[in-house]
């Protein structure tokens, strides 16, 4: 086994020993340590193009952009093959798949044995978080995928800087990945929280193999957060700057398909001339209590792994600007000349001919989608025109409001503020989205996704709720907590709220509430804007539509509260008593109205 000349300048014996052990297991032909340099990016990209892993796009139109097509059986996260490996099943809890750590190491160890024969093992050192931050964690991913190595370079702060930060300590996440034969029957993503270790095998799809993202930043991160007294959350972070220069930071959790990236990169409408939205992060927030008693957040990532379909100049102009250079597109469609990418919902007319995500000819008469619905772009954060200047601040930014949002046709109003921290955690714990036809065939069934963390919490979710509740006693100035719903519909099934940039109007009310400057109406289930509290000037919307969007229907809420009982029951004794008491109290208040 030959070693490349790029042996790192690391004196870290723990790391060297571990890499040696994993190489002995996987048996690669050679081991290449990555340093994150520009020369290395060029070399790896050229190699990936030569091997047909990447296709070079039109470099005049899309400089530094490349296209990748993954195996047709490997195009999304695989929740049923994702495991939390803790000594007892109870520690993983009812919402996670569990495997005994010994069994997992043995089972996957057998698959990793010789998995990299004839291949190169890339050693990818990376940081989750800004250099020099006390909140930053170092990870090392060993992978046989050049696609993964190039994506990790975009998504994390990758290279020598991570080794420098690690120094000689043993405190790093151990990530091992092999695509193996991309066989769904030999595909597992296993997390070992007690060992700060992740083993991923049999997949090449980003969500399963870019181990810094969901695996370390959320599943392992949430476990470490509970041990160390901080929060690892599936949340965007944005800054709202008023024309006077006042800055307010908000963290927000949305399940998938609820407009999270669009919200993180929102451009305020004309009415809000002079207002600016700054993106700190579009997906993940790590939050700790600062010396001042406020909650401070960093975005541990360095790039965006965004869903392409539906991204357009209307829905997200900043994302469209972000992906014009140095971006890797995965499973979108290609234009007939193979120089550009296309997806459903992209601006302009639908091309007459394309090459679809499977590499087949496609015409505008085709019944299949040209781009895979989960096709992606991996783009550097530095490309975002609205990137916050505090994105590399080691202290992070102070959070004044936390928002939970789902996709609900009824019940949940446009915006609802919790009465206090405990009620806010209850709102987050019962967050739900209705299924669309694409997901299950049953439409309108509420899927609970607490804090949008259901697939990403690395331990028992009952304990996770308790951890959130416990944070209150450390917080002298806790953020105010809100719930939003951009997706309320009228009887005809039409959305009553325009959404997109107009969500700025709701955000403005949230900021004013967080700063104690505006009124609200106390409904039985939370605070809502009074008539006239939302700035609707310049918006073509009827009073009736506004009332439909913001109204609270107590009969619907009664059904909602009753339906939460079953969801809570699965956590048994692990569910904090106060959460069920909130449910019972709100139900009692509604029953008291004689409903």
Protein backbone atom coordinates (compact mmCIF):
# COMPACT_ATOMS: atom_id res chain seq x y z
CA UNK A 1 0.00 0.00 0.00
CA UNK A 2 1.59 3.25 -1.13
CA UNK A 3 1.13 6.58 0.60
CA UNK A 4 0.84 9.78 -1.38
CA UNK A 5 3.40 12.49 -0.90
CA UNK A 6 0.75 14.61 0.79
CA UNK A 7 1.42 13.23 4.28
CA UNK A 8 0.01 15.91 6.56
CA UNK A 9 1.88 18.06 8.98
CA UNK A 10 0.17 16.39 11.92
CA UNK A 11 1.93 15.08 14.98
CA UNK A 12 -1.35 13.52 16.10
CA UNK A 13 -0.63 9.93 17.05
CA UNK A 14 -4.31 9.15 17.78
CA UNK A 15 -5.26 10.19 14.26
CA UNK A 16 -2.31 8.46 12.56
CA UNK A 17 -3.05 5.23 14.43
CA UNK A 18 -6.77 5.29 13.58
CA UNK A 19 -6.13 5.97 9.87
CA UNK A 20 -3.65 3.07 9.89
CA UNK A 21 -6.21 0.71 11.47
CA UNK A 22 -8.99 1.71 9.04
CA UNK A 23 -6.63 1.37 6.05
CA UNK A 24 -5.67 -2.11 7.27
CA UNK A 25 -9.40 -2.95 7.38
CA UNK A 26 -10.45 -1.42 4.03
CA UNK A 27 -7.22 -2.25 2.15
CA UNK A 28 -7.07 0.69 -0.28
CA UNK A 29 -4.32 0.78 -2.92
CA UNK A 30 -3.21 4.13 -1.56
CA UNK A 31 -4.05 6.70 1.10
CA UNK A 32 -4.20 10.41 0.22
CA UNK A 33 -4.37 13.08 2.93
CA UNK A 34 -6.21 16.19 1.75
CA UNK A 35 -4.96 19.68 2.64
CA UNK A 36 -7.79 21.83 1.22
CA UNK A 37 -5.54 23.74 -1.20
CA UNK A 38 -6.69 25.21 -4.51
CA UNK A 39 -4.11 23.10 -6.38
CA UNK A 40 -5.59 19.97 -4.79
CA UNK A 41 -9.15 20.96 -5.79
CA UNK A 42 -7.99 21.39 -9.39
CA UNK A 43 -6.19 18.05 -9.39
CA UNK A 44 -9.09 16.10 -7.87
CA UNK A 45 -11.63 17.78 -10.18
CA UNK A 46 -9.59 16.91 -13.28
CA UNK A 47 -9.30 13.33 -12.07
CA UNK A 48 -13.07 13.12 -11.40
CA UNK A 49 -13.79 14.42 -14.93
CA UNK A 50 -11.30 11.98 -16.47
CA UNK A 51 -12.97 9.08 -14.61
CA UNK A 52 -16.48 10.20 -15.67
CA UNK A 53 -17.56 10.93 -12.09
CA UNK A 54 -18.02 14.62 -12.89
CA UNK A 55 -19.05 16.23 -16.16
CA UNK A 56 -17.64 19.67 -16.87
CA UNK A 57 -20.38 22.23 -17.60
CA UNK A 58 -20.00 25.29 -19.84
CA UNK A 59 -17.19 27.14 -18.02
CA UNK A 60 -18.07 30.50 -19.59
CA UNK A 61 -21.64 30.31 -18.39
CA UNK A 62 -21.04 28.40 -15.14
CA UNK A 63 -17.37 28.80 -14.14
CA UNK A 64 -16.11 26.09 -11.80
CA UNK A 65 -19.42 24.16 -12.07
CA UNK A 66 -19.70 20.40 -12.61
CA UNK A 67 -22.43 17.79 -12.91
CA UNK A 68 -22.73 14.42 -11.18
CA UNK A 69 -25.22 11.63 -11.72
CA UNK A 70 -25.63 9.18 -8.87
CA UNK A 71 -26.82 5.59 -9.05
CA UNK A 72 -30.60 5.54 -9.67
CA UNK A 73 -31.07 3.47 -6.48
CA UNK A 74 -29.19 6.03 -4.40
CA UNK A 75 -30.85 9.44 -4.60
CA UNK A 76 -31.99 10.33 -1.06
CA UNK A 77 -31.39 9.83 2.63
CA UNK A 78 -32.33 6.32 3.76
CA UNK A 79 -34.04 6.69 7.11
CA UNK A 80 -34.84 2.95 7.37
CA UNK A 81 -31.11 2.11 6.99
CA UNK A 82 -29.91 4.80 9.43
CA UNK A 83 -29.12 3.50 12.91
CA UNK A 84 -28.26 4.88 16.32
CA UNK A 85 -25.94 2.37 18.01
CA UNK A 86 -26.14 2.79 21.78
CA UNK A 87 -25.69 0.14 24.52
CA UNK A 88 -29.47 0.00 25.09
CA UNK A 89 -32.41 0.43 22.73
CA UNK A 90 -34.05 2.80 25.22
CA UNK A 91 -31.20 5.33 24.78
CA UNK A 92 -31.98 5.54 21.05
CA UNK A 93 -35.71 5.87 21.77
CA UNK A 94 -38.85 4.99 19.80
CA UNK A 95 -38.22 7.36 16.87
CA UNK A 96 -34.81 5.94 15.87
CA UNK A 97 -33.70 2.63 14.38
CA UNK A 98 -31.39 0.95 16.88
CA UNK A 99 -28.56 -1.53 16.53
CA UNK A 100 -26.30 -2.90 19.26
CA UNK A 101 -22.84 -1.27 18.84
CA UNK A 102 -20.98 -4.62 18.95
CA UNK A 103 -23.30 -6.07 16.32
CA UNK A 104 -23.01 -2.95 14.14
CA UNK A 105 -19.20 -2.88 14.24
CA UNK A 106 -19.10 -6.60 13.42
CA UNK A 107 -21.69 -6.42 10.62
CA UNK A 108 -20.29 -3.31 8.92
CA UNK A 109 -16.71 -4.34 9.70
CA UNK A 110 -17.29 -7.44 7.56
CA UNK A 111 -18.45 -5.22 4.68
CA UNK A 112 -15.61 -2.72 5.08
CA UNK A 113 -13.06 -5.57 5.02
CA UNK A 114 -11.28 -5.07 1.68
CA UNK A 115 -13.98 -2.61 0.48
CA UNK A 116 -11.36 -0.20 -0.89
CA UNK A 117 -9.23 -2.69 -2.82
CA UNK A 118 -8.24 -1.06 -6.12
CA UNK A 119 -9.37 2.34 -4.77
CA UNK A 120 -7.88 5.37 -3.03
CA UNK A 121 -8.75 6.23 0.56
CA UNK A 122 -9.02 10.00 0.96
CA UNK A 123 -8.37 11.36 4.45
CA UNK A 124 -10.63 14.42 4.73
CA UNK A 125 -9.94 16.56 7.83
CA UNK A 126 -12.65 19.16 8.41
CA UNK A 127 -14.08 21.60 10.94
CA UNK A 128 -17.75 22.06 11.71
CA UNK A 129 -17.83 25.70 12.76
CA UNK A 130 -15.55 28.73 12.40
CA UNK A 131 -11.83 28.38 13.01
CA UNK A 132 -10.93 29.21 16.61
CA UNK A 133 -14.49 28.93 17.99
CA UNK A 134 -15.06 27.10 21.26
CA UNK A 135 -18.19 25.70 19.60
CA UNK A 136 -16.33 24.14 16.64
CA UNK A 137 -15.81 20.38 16.32
CA UNK A 138 -13.19 18.59 14.24
CA UNK A 139 -14.06 15.57 12.14
CA UNK A 140 -12.05 13.25 9.91
CA UNK A 141 -13.84 11.44 7.10
CA UNK A 142 -12.13 8.53 5.38
CA UNK A 143 -13.80 7.94 2.01
CA UNK A 144 -13.19 6.17 -1.28
CA UNK A 145 -15.33 8.68 -3.15
CA UNK A 146 -13.71 11.62 -4.93
CA UNK A 147 -17.24 13.12 -5.21
CA UNK A 148 -17.49 13.09 -1.41
CA UNK A 149 -14.03 14.63 -1.03
CA UNK A 150 -14.94 17.51 -3.39
CA UNK A 151 -18.33 18.07 -1.75
CA UNK A 152 -16.82 18.07 1.75
CA UNK A 153 -14.48 20.80 0.54
CA UNK A 154 -17.51 22.97 -0.29
CA UNK A 155 -19.67 22.03 2.71
CA UNK A 156 -17.09 22.28 5.51
CA UNK A 157 -13.92 24.14 6.43
CA UNK A 158 -11.72 21.36 5.11
CA UNK A 159 -7.98 20.74 5.09
CA UNK A 160 -4.85 21.61 7.02
CA UNK A 161 -6.65 24.20 9.20
CA UNK A 162 -8.69 21.36 10.76
CA UNK A 163 -5.53 19.38 11.61
CA UNK A 164 -4.02 22.54 13.10
CA UNK A 165 -7.10 23.02 15.28
CA UNK A 166 -7.07 19.36 16.35
CA UNK A 167 -3.45 19.58 17.46
CA UNK A 168 -2.41 16.48 19.40
CA UNK A 169 -5.78 15.80 21.08
CA UNK A 170 -7.95 12.72 20.60
CA UNK A 171 -11.15 14.77 20.35
CA UNK A 172 -12.30 14.24 16.76
CA UNK A 173 -15.23 12.56 15.05
CA UNK A 174 -14.18 9.33 13.36
CA UNK A 175 -16.04 8.96 10.07
CA UNK A 176 -15.55 6.01 7.75
CA UNK A 177 -17.29 5.83 4.36
CA UNK A 178 -17.18 3.49 1.39
CA UNK A 179 -19.53 3.42 -1.58
CA UNK A 180 -18.83 -0.36 -1.73
CA UNK A 181 -21.03 -1.59 -4.64
CA UNK A 182 -23.90 0.90 -4.05
CA UNK A 183 -26.20 -2.02 -3.30
CA UNK A 184 -29.29 -1.07 -1.22
CA UNK A 185 -29.07 -4.46 0.52
CA UNK A 186 -25.57 -3.57 1.73
CA UNK A 187 -26.26 0.03 2.73
CA UNK A 188 -26.07 1.27 6.32
CA UNK A 189 -25.47 4.59 8.06
CA UNK A 190 -24.51 3.82 11.66
CA UNK A 191 -23.87 6.36 14.42
CA UNK A 192 -22.01 5.46 17.60
CA UNK A 193 -22.66 8.47 19.88
CA UNK A 194 -20.55 7.14 22.80
CA UNK A 195 -17.55 6.73 20.47
CA UNK A 196 -18.10 9.94 18.43
CA UNK A 197 -17.97 7.64 15.39
CA UNK A 198 -19.94 7.31 12.13
CA UNK A 199 -19.74 4.41 9.67
CA UNK A 200 -21.50 4.80 6.33
CA UNK A 201 -21.42 2.15 3.64
CA UNK A 202 -23.08 1.38 0.31
CA UNK A 203 -24.26 4.88 -0.61
CA UNK A 204 -22.86 7.82 -2.57
CA UNK A 205 -25.75 10.24 -1.88
CA UNK A 206 -24.81 13.44 0.00
CA UNK A 207 -27.19 13.13 2.96
CA UNK A 208 -25.79 9.65 3.72
CA UNK A 209 -22.12 10.26 2.98
CA UNK A 210 -21.17 13.90 3.64
CA UNK A 211 -20.63 12.87 7.23
CA UNK A 212 -20.21 16.40 8.58
CA UNK A 213 -23.80 17.26 7.70
CA UNK A 214 -26.75 15.36 9.19
CA UNK A 215 -24.54 12.65 10.75
CA UNK A 216 -22.10 14.76 12.81
CA UNK A 217 -23.83 18.16 12.90
CA UNK A 218 -27.16 16.73 14.07
CA UNK A 219 -27.24 13.06 15.13
CA UNK A 220 -23.88 12.99 16.92
CA UNK A 221 -24.09 16.75 17.59
CA UNK A 222 -27.42 16.50 19.41
CA UNK A 223 -25.99 13.75 21.64
CA UNK A 224 -22.85 15.79 22.38
CA UNK A 225 -25.02 18.85 22.96
CA UNK A 226 -26.96 17.07 25.66
CA UNK A 227 -23.75 15.83 27.31
CA UNK A 228 -22.10 19.25 27.13
CA UNK A 229 -25.11 21.52 27.69
CA UNK A 230 -25.79 23.03 24.24
CA UNK A 231 -28.23 22.51 21.35
CA UNK A 232 -27.55 21.05 17.88
CA UNK A 233 -30.59 21.93 15.80
CA UNK A 234 -31.99 21.53 12.29
CA UNK A 235 -32.42 25.30 12.00
CA UNK A 236 -31.58 28.13 9.66
CA UNK A 237 -30.08 31.31 11.17
CA UNK A 238 -30.82 34.71 9.67
CA UNK A 239 -30.21 38.33 10.63
CA UNK A 240 -32.90 40.97 10.07
CA UNK A 241 -31.43 44.45 9.65
CA UNK A 242 -33.72 47.47 9.85
CA UNK A 243 -33.10 50.64 7.78
CA UNK A 244 -31.70 52.18 11.01
CA UNK A 245 -29.11 49.37 11.26
CA UNK A 246 -30.71 47.45 14.15
CA UNK A 247 -29.87 43.74 13.78
CA UNK A 248 -32.04 40.92 15.15
CA UNK A 249 -31.14 37.24 14.76
CA UNK A 250 -33.68 34.47 14.36
CA UNK A 251 -33.31 30.67 14.25
CA UNK A 252 -36.01 28.66 12.49
CA UNK A 253 -36.84 24.96 12.10
CA UNK A 254 -38.89 23.71 9.16
CA UNK A 255 -39.40 20.08 8.06
CA UNK A 256 -38.46 19.40 4.43
CA UNK A 257 -40.56 21.00 1.67
CA UNK A 258 -41.59 23.92 3.87
CA UNK A 259 -39.46 26.66 2.28
CA UNK A 260 -36.53 26.68 4.70
CA UNK A 261 -33.74 27.71 2.30
CA UNK A 262 -36.06 30.29 0.70
CA UNK A 263 -36.71 31.83 4.14
CA UNK A 264 -32.99 31.83 5.02
CA UNK A 265 -32.19 33.76 1.81
CA UNK A 266 -35.36 35.88 1.59
CA UNK A 267 -35.33 39.21 -0.23
CA UNK A 268 -37.76 41.66 1.43
CA UNK A 269 -40.55 43.03 -0.83
CA UNK A 270 -40.55 46.64 -2.14
CA UNK A 271 -42.61 47.86 0.83
CA UNK A 272 -39.59 47.01 3.04
CA UNK A 273 -37.07 49.14 1.16
CA UNK A 274 -33.98 49.55 3.32
CA UNK A 275 -34.56 46.27 5.22
CA UNK A 276 -32.05 43.46 4.69
CA UNK A 277 -31.98 39.75 5.45
CA UNK A 278 -28.54 38.26 6.06
CA UNK A 279 -28.01 34.49 5.88
CA UNK A 280 -25.89 33.02 8.67
CA UNK A 281 -26.98 29.46 7.86
CA UNK A 282 -29.67 27.66 5.86
CA UNK A 283 -29.87 24.29 7.63
CA UNK A 284 -28.05 23.76 10.92
CA UNK A 285 -27.56 25.80 14.11
CA UNK A 286 -25.36 24.97 17.07
CA UNK A 287 -26.48 27.07 20.04
CA UNK A 288 -24.95 27.73 23.46
CA UNK A 289 -25.76 30.05 26.33
CA UNK A 290 -23.33 32.98 26.32
CA UNK A 291 -21.84 34.79 29.32
CA UNK A 292 -24.57 37.42 28.86
CA UNK A 293 -27.37 34.86 29.43
CA UNK A 294 -28.49 34.94 25.80
CA UNK A 295 -28.56 32.04 23.32
CA UNK A 296 -25.71 32.33 20.79
CA UNK A 297 -25.65 30.37 17.52
CA UNK A 298 -23.09 29.36 14.91
CA UNK A 299 -23.66 27.70 11.55
CA UNK A 300 -21.24 24.75 11.59
CA UNK A 301 -21.37 24.47 7.79
CA UNK A 302 -19.54 26.31 5.02
CA UNK A 303 -21.83 25.62 2.06
CA UNK A 304 -25.36 24.79 0.94
CA UNK A 305 -26.62 21.35 -0.08
CA UNK A 306 -29.92 22.58 -1.49
CA UNK A 307 -32.83 21.00 -3.35
CA UNK A 308 -32.77 22.26 -6.95
CA UNK A 309 -36.37 21.71 -8.17
CA UNK A 310 -38.54 24.73 -7.38
CA UNK A 311 -35.51 27.02 -6.97
CA UNK A 312 -36.02 30.03 -9.23
CA UNK A 313 -35.66 33.80 -9.39
CA UNK A 314 -39.18 34.01 -7.96
CA UNK A 315 -38.73 31.60 -5.06
CA UNK A 316 -35.09 32.29 -4.19
CA UNK A 317 -33.07 34.85 -6.21
CA UNK A 318 -30.12 34.66 -3.78
CA UNK A 319 -29.82 30.89 -4.23
CA UNK A 320 -29.88 31.37 -8.02
CA UNK A 321 -26.97 33.83 -7.67
CA UNK A 322 -25.14 31.44 -5.33
CA UNK A 323 -25.09 28.53 -7.79
CA UNK A 324 -23.62 30.42 -10.76
CA UNK A 325 -20.04 29.35 -9.96
CA UNK A 326 -18.00 26.67 -8.16
CA UNK A 327 -21.09 24.49 -7.68
CA UNK A 328 -21.63 20.73 -8.06
CA UNK A 329 -25.07 19.76 -9.40
CA UNK A 330 -26.34 16.25 -8.67
CA UNK A 331 -29.20 14.45 -10.48
CA UNK A 332 -30.66 17.54 -12.16
CA UNK A 333 -31.41 17.40 -15.90
CA UNK A 334 -28.83 18.54 -18.46
CA UNK A 335 -29.41 20.71 -21.50
CA UNK A 336 -29.03 18.92 -24.84
CA UNK A 337 -25.52 20.38 -25.32
CA UNK A 338 -24.53 19.14 -21.80
CA UNK A 339 -23.32 22.64 -20.94
CA UNK A 340 -26.06 23.70 -18.50
CA UNK A 341 -28.45 22.23 -15.93
CA UNK A 342 -32.24 22.35 -15.72
CA UNK A 343 -34.94 21.35 -13.26
CA UNK A 344 -38.68 21.66 -12.82
CA UNK A 345 -39.57 25.16 -11.61
CA UNK A 346 -36.46 26.81 -13.09
CA UNK A 347 -36.99 30.19 -14.77
CA UNK A 348 -37.81 30.54 -18.45
CA UNK A 349 -39.56 28.24 -20.90
CA UNK A 350 -39.22 24.47 -20.57
CA UNK A 351 -36.58 23.33 -23.10
CA UNK A 352 -37.93 21.16 -25.94
CA UNK A 353 -35.17 18.60 -25.38
CA UNK A 354 -33.08 17.65 -22.35
CA UNK A 355 -31.06 14.76 -20.97
CA UNK A 356 -32.87 13.57 -17.84
CA UNK A 357 -31.26 12.74 -14.50
CA UNK A 358 -30.85 9.10 -15.53
CA UNK A 359 -28.99 10.11 -18.71
CA UNK A 360 -31.91 9.39 -21.05
CA UNK A 361 -33.25 11.75 -23.76
CA UNK A 362 -36.22 13.79 -22.50
CA UNK A 363 -38.70 15.99 -24.36
CA UNK A 364 -41.32 18.43 -23.10
CA UNK A 365 -43.91 15.73 -23.93
CA UNK A 366 -42.29 13.22 -21.53
CA UNK A 367 -44.42 12.15 -18.56
CA UNK A 368 -41.42 11.54 -16.24
CA UNK A 369 -39.69 14.44 -14.49
CA UNK A 370 -36.46 15.59 -16.13
CA UNK A 371 -34.67 16.34 -12.83
CA UNK A 372 -34.98 14.03 -9.84
CA UNK A 373 -37.32 15.69 -7.27
CA UNK A 374 -34.47 15.48 -4.73
CA UNK A 375 -31.75 16.67 -7.13
CA UNK A 376 -29.24 18.97 -5.45
CA UNK A 377 -26.72 21.74 -5.70
CA UNK A 378 -23.63 21.93 -3.48
CA UNK A 379 -22.54 25.57 -3.43
CA UNK A 380 -20.05 27.57 -1.33
CA UNK A 381 -21.65 29.91 1.24
CA UNK A 382 -19.28 32.67 0.11
CA UNK A 383 -21.25 32.86 -3.18
CA UNK A 384 -24.43 34.00 -1.40
CA UNK A 385 -24.93 37.77 -2.01
CA UNK A 386 -26.74 37.99 1.36
CA UNK A 387 -24.11 36.12 3.42
CA UNK A 388 -23.85 37.54 6.93
CA UNK A 389 -20.53 39.16 7.78
CA UNK A 390 -20.65 37.28 11.10
CA UNK A 391 -20.65 33.83 9.51
CA UNK A 392 -17.04 33.23 10.65
CA UNK A 393 -17.41 34.94 14.04
CA UNK A 394 -16.16 32.43 16.66
CA UNK A 395 -18.81 33.69 19.13
CA UNK A 396 -21.69 33.26 16.71
CA UNK A 397 -24.75 35.54 16.80
CA UNK A 398 -27.30 36.18 19.60
CA UNK A 399 -30.74 34.65 18.96
CA UNK A 400 -33.81 36.76 19.84
CA UNK A 401 -36.51 34.50 18.38
CA UNK A 402 -36.97 30.82 17.53
CA UNK A 403 -39.51 29.87 14.86
CA UNK A 404 -41.08 26.46 14.20
CA UNK A 405 -42.93 26.04 10.91
CA UNK A 406 -44.81 23.23 9.21
CA UNK A 407 -47.05 22.74 6.20
CA UNK A 408 -50.68 22.76 7.36
CA UNK A 409 -53.80 23.40 5.26
CA UNK A 410 -55.89 24.22 8.34
CA UNK A 411 -55.65 24.74 12.14
CA UNK A 412 -52.25 26.43 12.52
CA UNK A 413 -52.47 30.18 11.84
CA UNK A 414 -49.97 32.24 9.84
CA UNK A 415 -48.12 33.07 13.06
CA UNK A 416 -48.60 32.15 16.71
CA UNK A 417 -46.41 33.17 19.66
CA UNK A 418 -46.01 30.90 22.68
CA UNK A 419 -46.97 32.14 26.14
CA UNK A 420 -43.53 31.26 27.54
CA UNK A 421 -40.50 28.96 27.08
CA UNK A 422 -42.27 25.77 28.25
CA UNK A 423 -45.25 26.39 25.98
CA UNK A 424 -42.83 27.11 23.12
CA UNK A 425 -41.09 23.75 23.61
CA UNK A 426 -44.51 22.10 23.59
CA UNK A 427 -45.28 23.86 20.27
CA UNK A 428 -41.97 22.65 18.83
CA UNK A 429 -42.51 19.11 20.16
CA UNK A 430 -45.89 18.82 18.41
CA UNK A 431 -44.76 20.42 15.13
CA UNK A 432 -46.35 18.66 12.19
CA UNK A 433 -46.62 18.75 8.42
CA UNK A 434 -49.35 17.28 6.27
CA UNK A 435 -48.32 14.62 3.81
CA UNK A 436 -48.56 15.48 0.14
CA UNK A 437 -49.57 12.92 -2.48
CA UNK A 438 -45.90 12.39 -3.38
CA UNK A 439 -45.02 11.16 0.09
CA UNK A 440 -47.58 8.48 0.90
CA UNK A 441 -50.66 8.37 -1.23
CA UNK A 442 -52.69 9.52 1.77
CA UNK A 443 -53.04 13.28 1.58
CA UNK A 444 -53.48 15.59 4.55
CA UNK A 445 -52.28 13.17 7.27
CA UNK A 446 -50.32 15.08 9.91
CA UNK A 447 -46.81 13.70 10.34
CA UNK A 448 -45.32 14.92 13.61
CA UNK A 449 -41.75 16.13 13.21
CA UNK A 450 -40.70 17.63 16.56
CA UNK A 451 -38.46 20.68 16.04
CA UNK A 452 -37.99 19.26 12.49
CA UNK A 453 -35.54 16.84 14.20
CA UNK A 454 -37.38 13.51 13.92
CA UNK A 455 -34.87 11.92 11.49
CA UNK A 456 -31.87 13.65 13.10
CA UNK A 457 -32.08 13.34 16.89
CA UNK A 458 -29.24 11.06 17.97
CA UNK A 459 -30.85 9.83 21.21
CA UNK A 460 -34.22 9.32 22.93
CA UNK A 461 -36.50 12.16 21.88
CA UNK A 462 -38.20 12.25 25.30
CA UNK A 463 -34.79 13.13 26.78
CA UNK A 464 -34.29 15.64 23.95
CA UNK A 465 -37.47 17.51 24.98
CA UNK A 466 -36.25 17.48 28.60
CA UNK A 467 -32.89 18.91 27.48
CA UNK A 468 -34.69 21.81 25.74
CA UNK A 469 -36.77 22.48 28.87
CA UNK A 470 -33.64 22.40 31.05
CA UNK A 471 -31.94 25.06 28.93
CA UNK A 472 -34.35 27.63 30.38
CA UNK A 473 -32.68 27.82 33.78
CA UNK A 474 -29.37 28.77 32.12
CA UNK A 475 -31.00 31.43 29.93
CA UNK A 476 -31.44 34.82 31.54
CA UNK A 477 -32.81 36.20 28.27
CA UNK A 478 -34.47 33.29 26.47
CA UNK A 479 -35.53 33.85 22.85
CA UNK A 480 -39.27 34.24 22.24
CA UNK A 481 -40.77 31.21 20.49
CA UNK A 482 -43.14 31.31 17.50
CA UNK A 483 -44.92 28.94 15.16
CA UNK A 484 -45.58 29.87 11.51
CA UNK A 485 -47.57 28.31 8.68
CA UNK A 486 -47.26 29.77 5.17
CA UNK A 487 -49.48 27.03 3.72
CA UNK A 488 -52.99 27.66 5.07
CA UNK A 489 -55.68 27.02 2.44
CA UNK A 490 -59.23 28.18 1.77
CA UNK A 491 -62.19 25.89 1.01
CA UNK A 492 -61.16 25.75 -2.65
CA UNK A 493 -57.68 24.50 -1.69
CA UNK A 494 -55.94 27.76 -2.63
CA UNK A 495 -53.18 29.22 -0.43
CA UNK A 496 -54.51 32.27 1.43
CA UNK A 497 -51.06 33.79 2.06
CA UNK A 498 -48.71 34.74 -0.84
CA UNK A 499 -45.54 33.51 0.93
CA UNK A 500 -41.96 33.88 -0.40
CA UNK A 501 -40.67 37.46 0.14
CA UNK A 502 -44.01 38.51 1.66
CA UNK A 503 -43.11 36.37 4.69
CA UNK A 504 -41.02 39.40 5.64
CA UNK A 505 -44.27 40.93 6.96
CA UNK A 506 -44.62 38.09 9.46
CA UNK A 507 -40.91 38.21 10.30
CA UNK A 508 -41.22 41.94 11.05
CA UNK A 509 -44.02 41.23 13.58
CA UNK A 510 -41.88 38.45 15.14
CA UNK A 511 -38.91 40.83 15.48
CA UNK A 512 -41.13 43.54 17.01
CA UNK A 513 -42.62 41.03 19.47
CA UNK A 514 -39.16 39.72 20.39
CA UNK A 515 -38.12 43.31 21.10
CA UNK A 516 -41.31 44.07 23.03
CA UNK A 517 -42.52 46.80 20.68
CA UNK A 518 -45.84 45.63 19.33
CA UNK A 519 -49.13 44.27 20.57
CA UNK A 520 -50.85 40.92 20.10
CA UNK A 521 -54.16 39.25 20.81
CA UNK A 522 -54.20 36.45 23.38
CA UNK A 523 -56.03 33.45 21.95
CA UNK A 524 -56.53 30.29 24.00
CA UNK A 525 -53.61 28.62 22.18
CA UNK A 526 -51.10 31.50 21.96
CA UNK A 527 -50.57 35.13 20.96
CA UNK A 528 -51.59 36.17 17.43
CA UNK A 529 -51.35 39.53 15.61
CA UNK A 530 -54.35 41.81 16.09
CA UNK A 531 -56.01 43.40 13.10
CA UNK A 532 -53.58 46.06 11.91
CA UNK A 533 -50.51 44.54 13.63
CA UNK A 534 -49.16 43.00 10.41
CA UNK A 535 -47.87 45.53 7.90
CA UNK A 536 -49.91 44.68 4.80
CA UNK A 537 -49.38 47.91 2.88
CA UNK A 538 -48.71 47.42 -0.82
CA UNK A 539 -49.99 43.83 -0.66
CA UNK A 540 -52.94 42.84 -2.81
CA UNK A 541 -54.81 40.72 -0.25
CA UNK A 542 -58.41 40.93 0.99
CA UNK A 543 -59.34 41.37 4.66
CA UNK A 544 -61.12 38.01 4.40
CA UNK A 545 -57.91 36.29 3.23
CA UNK A 546 -55.92 37.84 6.09
CA UNK A 547 -58.52 36.65 8.59
CA UNK A 548 -58.40 33.16 7.06
CA UNK A 549 -54.62 33.13 7.31
CA UNK A 550 -54.35 34.44 10.88
CA UNK A 551 -57.58 33.10 12.44
CA UNK A 552 -57.68 30.50 15.20
CA UNK A 553 -60.47 27.94 14.84
CA UNK A 554 -60.97 26.44 18.29
CA UNK A 555 -62.83 23.36 16.99
CA UNK A 556 -59.90 22.50 14.74
CA UNK A 557 -57.53 23.05 17.66
CA UNK A 558 -59.52 20.66 19.82
CA UNK A 559 -59.04 17.93 17.19
CA UNK A 560 -55.35 18.88 16.96
CA UNK A 561 -54.77 18.58 20.71
CA UNK A 562 -56.60 15.26 20.91
CA UNK A 563 -54.50 13.87 18.05
CA UNK A 564 -51.25 14.72 19.86
CA UNK A 565 -52.00 12.25 22.66
CA UNK A 566 -51.01 9.22 20.61
CA UNK A 567 -47.77 10.83 19.48
CA UNK A 568 -46.78 11.65 23.07
CA UNK A 569 -47.74 8.15 24.31
CA UNK A 570 -44.84 6.47 22.47
CA UNK A 571 -42.30 8.19 24.75
CA UNK A 572 -43.84 6.72 27.91
CA UNK A 573 -42.03 7.76 31.09
CA UNK A 574 -39.36 9.56 29.06
CA UNK A 575 -41.84 12.29 28.03
CA UNK A 576 -41.46 15.34 30.32
CA UNK A 577 -44.68 15.63 32.32
CA UNK A 578 -44.99 19.32 31.60
CA UNK A 579 -45.50 18.69 27.87
CA UNK A 580 -48.53 16.52 28.45
CA UNK A 581 -49.79 19.00 31.05
CA UNK A 582 -49.62 21.76 28.40
CA UNK A 583 -51.72 19.62 26.09
CA UNK A 584 -54.25 18.90 28.84
CA UNK A 585 -54.35 22.53 29.99
CA UNK A 586 -55.03 23.86 26.48
CA UNK A 587 -57.66 21.17 25.93
CA UNK A 588 -59.31 22.05 29.26
CA UNK A 589 -59.33 25.73 28.27
CA UNK A 590 -60.99 24.87 24.94
CA UNK A 591 -63.52 22.59 26.63
CA UNK A 592 -64.24 25.44 29.03
CA UNK A 593 -65.44 27.45 26.04
CA UNK A 594 -68.26 24.93 25.68
CA UNK A 595 -67.01 23.42 22.41
